[in-house]
Amino acid sequence: MLGRTTMALGATALLAACATAGSSYEMSDEVAAKLAEFEKTGEVANCLPLRSIDQIRPLDERTFLIETGVNDYYLAELRSSCNGADSSFNRLQYETSLSSLCQNEIIRVIDNSTGFTVGSCGMSDFQKLKMIEEPAE
């Protein structure tokens, strides 16, 4: 019984450490500049239909821009880093038994040359974005 209690306390401490580490995240100027092209609409989805996802582009290891159509975008801001997600030498891979990619689904980062998993993370919710139009001159 004591062993189970210790494991539970250890897991709680680990989760608290992850939450603390996650709160100190600062996005780079490059990512901020890319996101400045959009505004959040306030619409949030827990799942996106797989057939509508054209591309998932990691802007960094915690910020994914998801294209679901022409000028149709969602933002996924992960709670923890997805090691190697933004490297051009890696690809994202996920499996789901549903016809949607949902919050908390595990995304794996695969090294293109070896096929080995180099990172993984849980997906967040999806925030709908609207592209900011350039003012006409």
N, C-alpha and C. Protein backbone atom coordinates (compact mmCIF):
# COMPACT_ATOMS: atom_id res chain seq x y z
N MET A 1 0.82 -1.19 0.00
CA MET A 1 0.00 0.00 0.00
C MET A 1 0.86 1.25 0.00
N LEU A 2 1.94 1.23 0.78
CA LEU A 2 2.83 2.38 0.87
C LEU A 2 3.45 2.69 -0.49
N GLY A 3 3.82 1.66 -1.26
CA GLY A 3 4.42 1.86 -2.57
C GLY A 3 3.48 2.59 -3.52
N ARG A 4 2.20 2.25 -3.50
CA ARG A 4 1.23 2.90 -4.37
C ARG A 4 1.07 4.37 -4.00
N THR A 5 1.05 4.67 -2.71
CA THR A 5 0.92 6.05 -2.26
C THR A 5 2.12 6.87 -2.71
N THR A 6 3.30 6.31 -2.58
CA THR A 6 4.52 7.01 -3.00
C THR A 6 4.48 7.29 -4.50
N MET A 7 4.05 6.31 -5.29
CA MET A 7 3.98 6.51 -6.73
C MET A 7 2.98 7.61 -7.06
N ALA A 8 1.86 7.64 -6.39
CA ALA A 8 0.85 8.66 -6.65
C ALA A 8 1.39 10.04 -6.30
N LEU A 9 2.08 10.15 -5.15
CA LEU A 9 2.66 11.43 -4.76
C LEU A 9 3.74 11.86 -5.75
N GLY A 10 4.55 10.89 -6.21
CA GLY A 10 5.59 11.19 -7.19
C GLY A 10 4.99 11.70 -8.48
N ALA A 11 3.91 11.07 -8.93
CA ALA A 11 3.24 11.50 -10.16
C ALA A 11 2.65 12.89 -9.99
N THR A 12 2.08 13.17 -8.81
CA THR A 12 1.53 14.50 -8.55
C THR A 12 2.62 15.55 -8.59
N ALA A 13 3.77 15.26 -7.99
CA ALA A 13 4.89 16.20 -8.00
C ALA A 13 5.39 16.43 -9.42
N LEU A 14 5.43 15.34 -10.21
CA LEU A 14 5.88 15.46 -11.59
C LEU A 14 4.92 16.33 -12.40
N LEU A 15 3.62 16.13 -12.21
CA LEU A 15 2.63 16.95 -12.92
C LEU A 15 2.74 18.41 -12.51
N ALA A 16 2.97 18.66 -11.24
CA ALA A 16 3.11 20.04 -10.77
C ALA A 16 4.35 20.68 -11.38
N ALA A 17 5.43 19.92 -11.49
CA ALA A 17 6.66 20.45 -12.10
C ALA A 17 6.44 20.77 -13.57
N CYS A 18 5.70 19.91 -14.27
CA CYS A 18 5.41 20.17 -15.68
C CYS A 18 4.55 21.41 -15.83
N ALA A 19 3.57 21.58 -14.97
CA ALA A 19 2.70 22.75 -15.04
C ALA A 19 3.50 24.01 -14.79
N THR A 20 4.41 23.95 -13.83
CA THR A 20 5.25 25.11 -13.53
C THR A 20 6.15 25.42 -14.70
N ALA A 21 6.77 24.37 -15.27
CA ALA A 21 7.67 24.58 -16.39
C ALA A 21 6.91 25.15 -17.59
N GLY A 22 5.67 24.67 -17.80
CA GLY A 22 4.88 25.12 -18.93
C GLY A 22 4.49 26.58 -18.83
N SER A 23 4.38 27.10 -17.61
CA SER A 23 3.91 28.47 -17.45
C SER A 23 4.99 29.50 -17.80
N SER A 24 6.25 29.06 -17.90
CA SER A 24 7.33 30.01 -18.18
C SER A 24 7.65 30.09 -19.67
N TYR A 25 6.84 29.48 -20.50
CA TYR A 25 7.09 29.46 -21.94
C TYR A 25 6.95 30.86 -22.54
N GLU A 26 7.92 31.24 -23.35
CA GLU A 26 7.85 32.49 -24.10
C GLU A 26 8.10 32.18 -25.57
N MET A 27 7.15 32.57 -26.43
CA MET A 27 7.34 32.28 -27.84
C MET A 27 8.36 33.23 -28.45
N SER A 28 9.00 32.76 -29.50
CA SER A 28 10.03 33.56 -30.17
C SER A 28 9.40 34.71 -30.95
N ASP A 29 10.21 35.67 -31.31
CA ASP A 29 9.74 36.80 -32.12
C ASP A 29 9.23 36.31 -33.47
N GLU A 30 9.88 35.28 -34.01
CA GLU A 30 9.49 34.73 -35.31
C GLU A 30 8.08 34.13 -35.26
N VAL A 31 7.80 33.38 -34.20
CA VAL A 31 6.47 32.78 -34.03
C VAL A 31 5.44 33.88 -33.79
N ALA A 32 5.78 34.84 -32.95
CA ALA A 32 4.86 35.96 -32.68
C ALA A 32 4.55 36.73 -33.96
N ALA A 33 5.56 36.93 -34.81
CA ALA A 33 5.35 37.64 -36.07
C ALA A 33 4.40 36.86 -36.99
N LYS A 34 4.55 35.54 -37.04
CA LYS A 34 3.67 34.72 -37.86
C LYS A 34 2.23 34.79 -37.34
N LEU A 35 2.08 34.70 -36.01
CA LEU A 35 0.74 34.74 -35.43
C LEU A 35 0.11 36.13 -35.52
N ALA A 36 0.93 37.16 -35.73
CA ALA A 36 0.40 38.52 -35.88
C ALA A 36 -0.39 38.66 -37.18
N GLU A 37 -0.27 37.69 -38.07
CA GLU A 37 -1.03 37.69 -39.32
C GLU A 37 -2.49 37.27 -39.09
N PHE A 38 -2.78 36.82 -37.86
CA PHE A 38 -4.10 36.28 -37.53
C PHE A 38 -4.66 36.95 -36.29
N GLU A 39 -5.97 36.80 -36.12
CA GLU A 39 -6.59 37.17 -34.86
C GLU A 39 -7.44 35.99 -34.41
N LYS A 40 -7.52 35.79 -33.10
CA LYS A 40 -8.34 34.71 -32.55
C LYS A 40 -9.80 35.13 -32.63
N THR A 41 -10.65 34.19 -33.04
CA THR A 41 -12.08 34.50 -33.19
C THR A 41 -12.85 34.24 -31.90
N GLY A 42 -12.25 33.51 -30.97
CA GLY A 42 -12.96 33.13 -29.75
C GLY A 42 -13.63 31.77 -29.87
N GLU A 43 -13.70 31.26 -31.08
CA GLU A 43 -14.28 29.93 -31.31
C GLU A 43 -13.22 28.88 -30.99
N VAL A 44 -13.58 27.89 -30.18
CA VAL A 44 -12.65 26.83 -29.79
C VAL A 44 -13.31 25.49 -30.08
N ALA A 45 -12.54 24.59 -30.69
CA ALA A 45 -13.02 23.24 -30.99
C ALA A 45 -12.19 22.22 -30.22
N ASN A 46 -12.82 21.18 -29.74
CA ASN A 46 -12.11 20.09 -29.07
C ASN A 46 -11.57 19.09 -30.08
N CYS A 47 -12.19 19.02 -31.25
CA CYS A 47 -11.79 18.08 -32.29
C CYS A 47 -11.89 18.75 -33.66
N LEU A 48 -11.07 18.28 -34.59
CA LEU A 48 -11.15 18.70 -35.99
C LEU A 48 -11.30 17.45 -36.84
N PRO A 49 -12.24 17.43 -37.79
CA PRO A 49 -12.39 16.27 -38.66
C PRO A 49 -11.10 16.03 -39.46
N LEU A 50 -10.65 14.77 -39.51
CA LEU A 50 -9.41 14.45 -40.23
C LEU A 50 -9.48 14.88 -41.70
N ARG A 51 -10.65 14.72 -42.31
CA ARG A 51 -10.78 15.05 -43.74
C ARG A 51 -10.59 16.54 -44.01
N SER A 52 -10.75 17.36 -42.97
CA SER A 52 -10.62 18.81 -43.18
C SER A 52 -9.19 19.32 -42.94
N ILE A 53 -8.33 18.50 -42.33
CA ILE A 53 -6.96 18.95 -42.02
C ILE A 53 -6.09 18.82 -43.26
N ASP A 54 -5.64 19.97 -43.78
CA ASP A 54 -4.74 19.97 -44.93
C ASP A 54 -3.28 19.89 -44.48
N GLN A 55 -2.95 20.60 -43.40
CA GLN A 55 -1.56 20.68 -42.96
C GLN A 55 -1.50 21.07 -41.49
N ILE A 56 -0.58 20.44 -40.77
CA ILE A 56 -0.26 20.85 -39.40
C ILE A 56 1.18 21.35 -39.44
N ARG A 57 1.36 22.64 -39.19
CA ARG A 57 2.69 23.24 -39.28
C ARG A 57 3.15 23.69 -37.89
N PRO A 58 4.13 22.98 -37.32
CA PRO A 58 4.67 23.44 -36.03
C PRO A 58 5.46 24.73 -36.23
N LEU A 59 5.06 25.79 -35.53
CA LEU A 59 5.81 27.04 -35.58
C LEU A 59 6.97 26.99 -34.61
N ASP A 60 6.79 26.25 -33.53
CA ASP A 60 7.86 25.91 -32.59
C ASP A 60 7.39 24.61 -31.93
N GLU A 61 8.04 24.20 -30.86
CA GLU A 61 7.71 22.92 -30.24
C GLU A 61 6.43 22.94 -29.42
N ARG A 62 5.79 24.11 -29.30
CA ARG A 62 4.55 24.21 -28.52
C ARG A 62 3.40 24.89 -29.26
N THR A 63 3.65 25.39 -30.45
CA THR A 63 2.65 26.17 -31.17
C THR A 63 2.47 25.60 -32.57
N PHE A 64 1.27 25.04 -32.84
CA PHE A 64 1.00 24.43 -34.14
C PHE A 64 -0.07 25.24 -34.87
N LEU A 65 0.19 25.54 -36.13
CA LEU A 65 -0.77 26.21 -37.00
C LEU A 65 -1.37 25.13 -37.90
N ILE A 66 -2.69 25.00 -37.86
CA ILE A 66 -3.37 23.94 -38.59
C ILE A 66 -4.22 24.57 -39.68
N GLU A 67 -3.93 24.18 -40.91
CA GLU A 67 -4.69 24.69 -42.05
C GLU A 67 -5.77 23.68 -42.39
N THR A 68 -7.00 24.15 -42.47
CA THR A 68 -8.13 23.27 -42.75
C THR A 68 -8.88 23.66 -44.02
N GLY A 69 -8.33 24.53 -44.79
CA GLY A 69 -8.94 24.96 -46.04
C GLY A 69 -8.28 26.24 -46.49
N VAL A 70 -8.77 26.79 -47.56
CA VAL A 70 -8.23 28.05 -48.07
C VAL A 70 -8.54 29.15 -47.05
N ASN A 71 -7.50 29.75 -46.50
CA ASN A 71 -7.63 30.81 -45.48
C ASN A 71 -8.46 30.38 -44.28
N ASP A 72 -8.37 29.10 -43.92
CA ASP A 72 -9.09 28.55 -42.77
C ASP A 72 -8.05 27.92 -41.85
N TYR A 73 -7.86 28.52 -40.66
CA TYR A 73 -6.77 28.12 -39.78
C TYR A 73 -7.24 27.94 -38.34
N TYR A 74 -6.53 27.06 -37.64
CA TYR A 74 -6.70 26.87 -36.20
C TYR A 74 -5.32 26.92 -35.56
N LEU A 75 -5.29 27.28 -34.30
CA LEU A 75 -4.07 27.33 -33.52
C LEU A 75 -4.18 26.33 -32.38
N ALA A 76 -3.14 25.51 -32.23
CA ALA A 76 -3.04 24.60 -31.09
C ALA A 76 -1.83 25.04 -30.28
N GLU A 77 -2.08 25.51 -29.06
CA GLU A 77 -1.00 25.91 -28.15
C GLU A 77 -0.87 24.80 -27.10
N LEU A 78 0.16 24.00 -27.24
CA LEU A 78 0.34 22.83 -26.39
C LEU A 78 0.77 23.23 -24.99
N ARG A 79 0.40 22.41 -24.03
CA ARG A 79 0.76 22.66 -22.63
C ARG A 79 2.21 22.32 -22.35
N SER A 80 2.80 21.43 -23.15
CA SER A 80 4.20 21.08 -22.97
C SER A 80 4.87 20.98 -24.33
N SER A 81 6.18 21.01 -24.33
CA SER A 81 6.94 20.97 -25.59
C SER A 81 6.81 19.62 -26.27
N CYS A 82 6.85 19.66 -27.58
CA CYS A 82 6.83 18.47 -28.41
C CYS A 82 8.20 18.40 -29.08
N ASN A 83 9.15 17.76 -28.40
CA ASN A 83 10.55 17.74 -28.79
C ASN A 83 10.75 17.45 -30.28
N GLY A 84 11.41 18.37 -30.97
CA GLY A 84 11.76 18.19 -32.37
C GLY A 84 10.66 18.47 -33.36
N ALA A 85 9.49 18.89 -32.91
CA ALA A 85 8.36 19.08 -33.82
C ALA A 85 8.63 20.09 -34.92
N ASP A 86 9.42 21.12 -34.63
CA ASP A 86 9.65 22.19 -35.61
C ASP A 86 10.89 21.96 -36.47
N SER A 87 11.50 20.81 -36.39
CA SER A 87 12.67 20.50 -37.22
C SER A 87 12.23 20.02 -38.60
N SER A 88 12.90 20.50 -39.63
CA SER A 88 12.57 20.08 -40.99
C SER A 88 13.01 18.64 -41.25
N PHE A 89 13.77 18.05 -40.34
CA PHE A 89 14.23 16.67 -40.48
C PHE A 89 13.24 15.68 -39.88
N ASN A 90 12.17 16.18 -39.30
CA ASN A 90 11.18 15.34 -38.63
C ASN A 90 9.80 15.55 -39.23
N ARG A 91 8.92 14.61 -38.94
CA ARG A 91 7.51 14.73 -39.35
C ARG A 91 6.62 14.39 -38.17
N LEU A 92 5.39 14.86 -38.22
CA LEU A 92 4.41 14.55 -37.18
C LEU A 92 3.60 13.34 -37.62
N GLN A 93 3.24 12.52 -36.65
CA GLN A 93 2.43 11.35 -36.94
C GLN A 93 1.45 11.13 -35.81
N TYR A 94 0.24 10.73 -36.13
CA TYR A 94 -0.75 10.44 -35.10
C TYR A 94 -1.67 9.35 -35.60
N GLU A 95 -2.24 8.63 -34.67
CA GLU A 95 -3.21 7.59 -34.97
C GLU A 95 -4.44 7.86 -34.12
N THR A 96 -5.58 7.67 -34.70
CA THR A 96 -6.82 7.86 -33.96
C THR A 96 -7.84 6.85 -34.46
N SER A 97 -8.67 6.37 -33.57
CA SER A 97 -9.72 5.44 -33.97
C SER A 97 -10.97 6.20 -34.41
N LEU A 98 -10.94 7.50 -34.22
CA LEU A 98 -12.06 8.35 -34.60
C LEU A 98 -11.80 8.96 -35.97
N SER A 99 -12.76 9.66 -36.50
CA SER A 99 -12.57 10.36 -37.77
C SER A 99 -12.16 11.80 -37.53
N SER A 100 -11.67 12.08 -36.31
CA SER A 100 -11.27 13.43 -35.93
C SER A 100 -9.96 13.39 -35.15
N LEU A 101 -9.23 14.50 -35.21
CA LEU A 101 -8.08 14.71 -34.33
C LEU A 101 -8.59 15.54 -33.17
N CYS A 102 -8.44 15.01 -31.96
CA CYS A 102 -9.05 15.65 -30.81
C CYS A 102 -8.02 16.08 -29.77
N GLN A 103 -8.47 16.96 -28.90
CA GLN A 103 -7.69 17.38 -27.75
C GLN A 103 -7.24 16.13 -26.99
N ASN A 104 -6.01 16.15 -26.51
CA ASN A 104 -5.38 15.06 -25.75
C ASN A 104 -4.92 13.89 -26.60
N GLU A 105 -5.15 13.91 -27.93
CA GLU A 105 -4.58 12.86 -28.78
C GLU A 105 -3.05 13.01 -28.75
N ILE A 106 -2.36 11.90 -28.82
CA ILE A 106 -0.90 11.93 -28.78
C ILE A 106 -0.35 12.11 -30.20
N ILE A 107 0.49 13.12 -30.34
CA ILE A 107 1.20 13.38 -31.59
C ILE A 107 2.63 12.89 -31.39
N ARG A 108 3.14 12.11 -32.32
CA ARG A 108 4.52 11.65 -32.24
C ARG A 108 5.36 12.39 -33.27
N VAL A 109 6.60 12.70 -32.90
CA VAL A 109 7.55 13.33 -33.80
C VAL A 109 8.49 12.24 -34.27
N ILE A 110 8.55 12.02 -35.59
CA ILE A 110 9.32 10.94 -36.17
C ILE A 110 10.50 11.51 -36.96
N ASP A 111 11.69 10.98 -36.70
CA ASP A 111 12.88 11.35 -37.47
C ASP A 111 12.74 10.76 -38.87
N ASN A 112 12.79 11.60 -39.91
CA ASN A 112 12.59 11.13 -41.28
C ASN A 112 13.65 10.14 -41.74
N SER A 113 14.89 10.28 -41.28
CA SER A 113 15.96 9.41 -41.77
C SER A 113 15.98 8.05 -41.06
N THR A 114 15.63 7.99 -39.79
CA THR A 114 15.70 6.72 -39.06
C THR A 114 14.35 6.08 -38.80
N GLY A 115 13.29 6.88 -38.81
CA GLY A 115 11.97 6.37 -38.50
C GLY A 115 11.71 6.24 -37.01
N PHE A 116 12.68 6.68 -36.19
CA PHE A 116 12.52 6.60 -34.73
C PHE A 116 11.70 7.77 -34.22
N THR A 117 10.96 7.52 -33.15
CA THR A 117 10.23 8.57 -32.45
C THR A 117 11.23 9.38 -31.64
N VAL A 118 11.25 10.70 -31.85
CA VAL A 118 12.17 11.58 -31.11
C VAL A 118 11.44 12.47 -30.11
N GLY A 119 10.12 12.45 -30.14
CA GLY A 119 9.34 13.25 -29.21
C GLY A 119 7.87 12.90 -29.34
N SER A 120 7.11 13.34 -28.36
CA SER A 120 5.66 13.17 -28.42
C SER A 120 5.02 14.17 -27.48
N CYS A 121 3.74 14.42 -27.71
CA CYS A 121 3.03 15.39 -26.88
C CYS A 121 1.53 15.18 -27.05
N GLY A 122 0.78 15.72 -26.11
CA GLY A 122 -0.67 15.68 -26.18
C GLY A 122 -1.19 16.93 -26.87
N MET A 123 -2.11 16.76 -27.78
CA MET A 123 -2.69 17.88 -28.52
C MET A 123 -3.58 18.70 -27.58
N SER A 124 -3.64 20.00 -27.84
CA SER A 124 -4.50 20.89 -27.06
C SER A 124 -5.81 21.10 -27.81
N ASP A 125 -6.63 22.00 -27.32
CA ASP A 125 -7.82 22.36 -28.08
C ASP A 125 -7.40 23.20 -29.28
N PHE A 126 -8.34 23.49 -30.15
CA PHE A 126 -8.06 24.18 -31.40
C PHE A 126 -8.78 25.53 -31.40
N GLN A 127 -8.01 26.60 -31.47
CA GLN A 127 -8.57 27.95 -31.47
C GLN A 127 -8.69 28.44 -32.92
N LYS A 128 -9.88 28.78 -33.32
CA LYS A 128 -10.14 29.26 -34.68
C LYS A 128 -9.45 30.61 -34.87
N LEU A 129 -8.78 30.76 -36.01
CA LEU A 129 -8.11 32.01 -36.35
C LEU A 129 -8.73 32.62 -37.59
N LYS A 130 -8.63 33.92 -37.67
CA LYS A 130 -9.07 34.66 -38.85
C LYS A 130 -7.86 35.44 -39.36
N MET A 131 -7.58 35.30 -40.64
CA MET A 131 -6.47 36.02 -41.23
C MET A 131 -6.78 37.50 -41.25
N ILE A 132 -5.80 38.31 -40.82
CA ILE A 132 -5.97 39.75 -40.85
C ILE A 132 -5.65 40.24 -42.25
N GLU A 133 -6.60 40.92 -42.84
CA GLU A 133 -6.41 41.39 -44.21
C GLU A 133 -5.57 42.65 -44.24
N GLU A 134 -4.74 42.73 -45.26
CA GLU A 134 -3.91 43.92 -45.45
C GLU A 134 -4.83 45.08 -45.88
N PRO A 135 -4.61 46.27 -45.35
CA PRO A 135 -5.44 47.41 -45.79
C PRO A 135 -5.16 47.75 -47.24
N ALA A 136 -6.20 48.07 -47.97
CA ALA A 136 -6.06 48.43 -49.39
C ALA A 136 -5.42 49.80 -49.49
N GLU A 137 -4.52 49.93 -50.44
CA GLU A 137 -3.83 51.23 -50.62
C GLU A 137 -4.43 52.02 -51.74
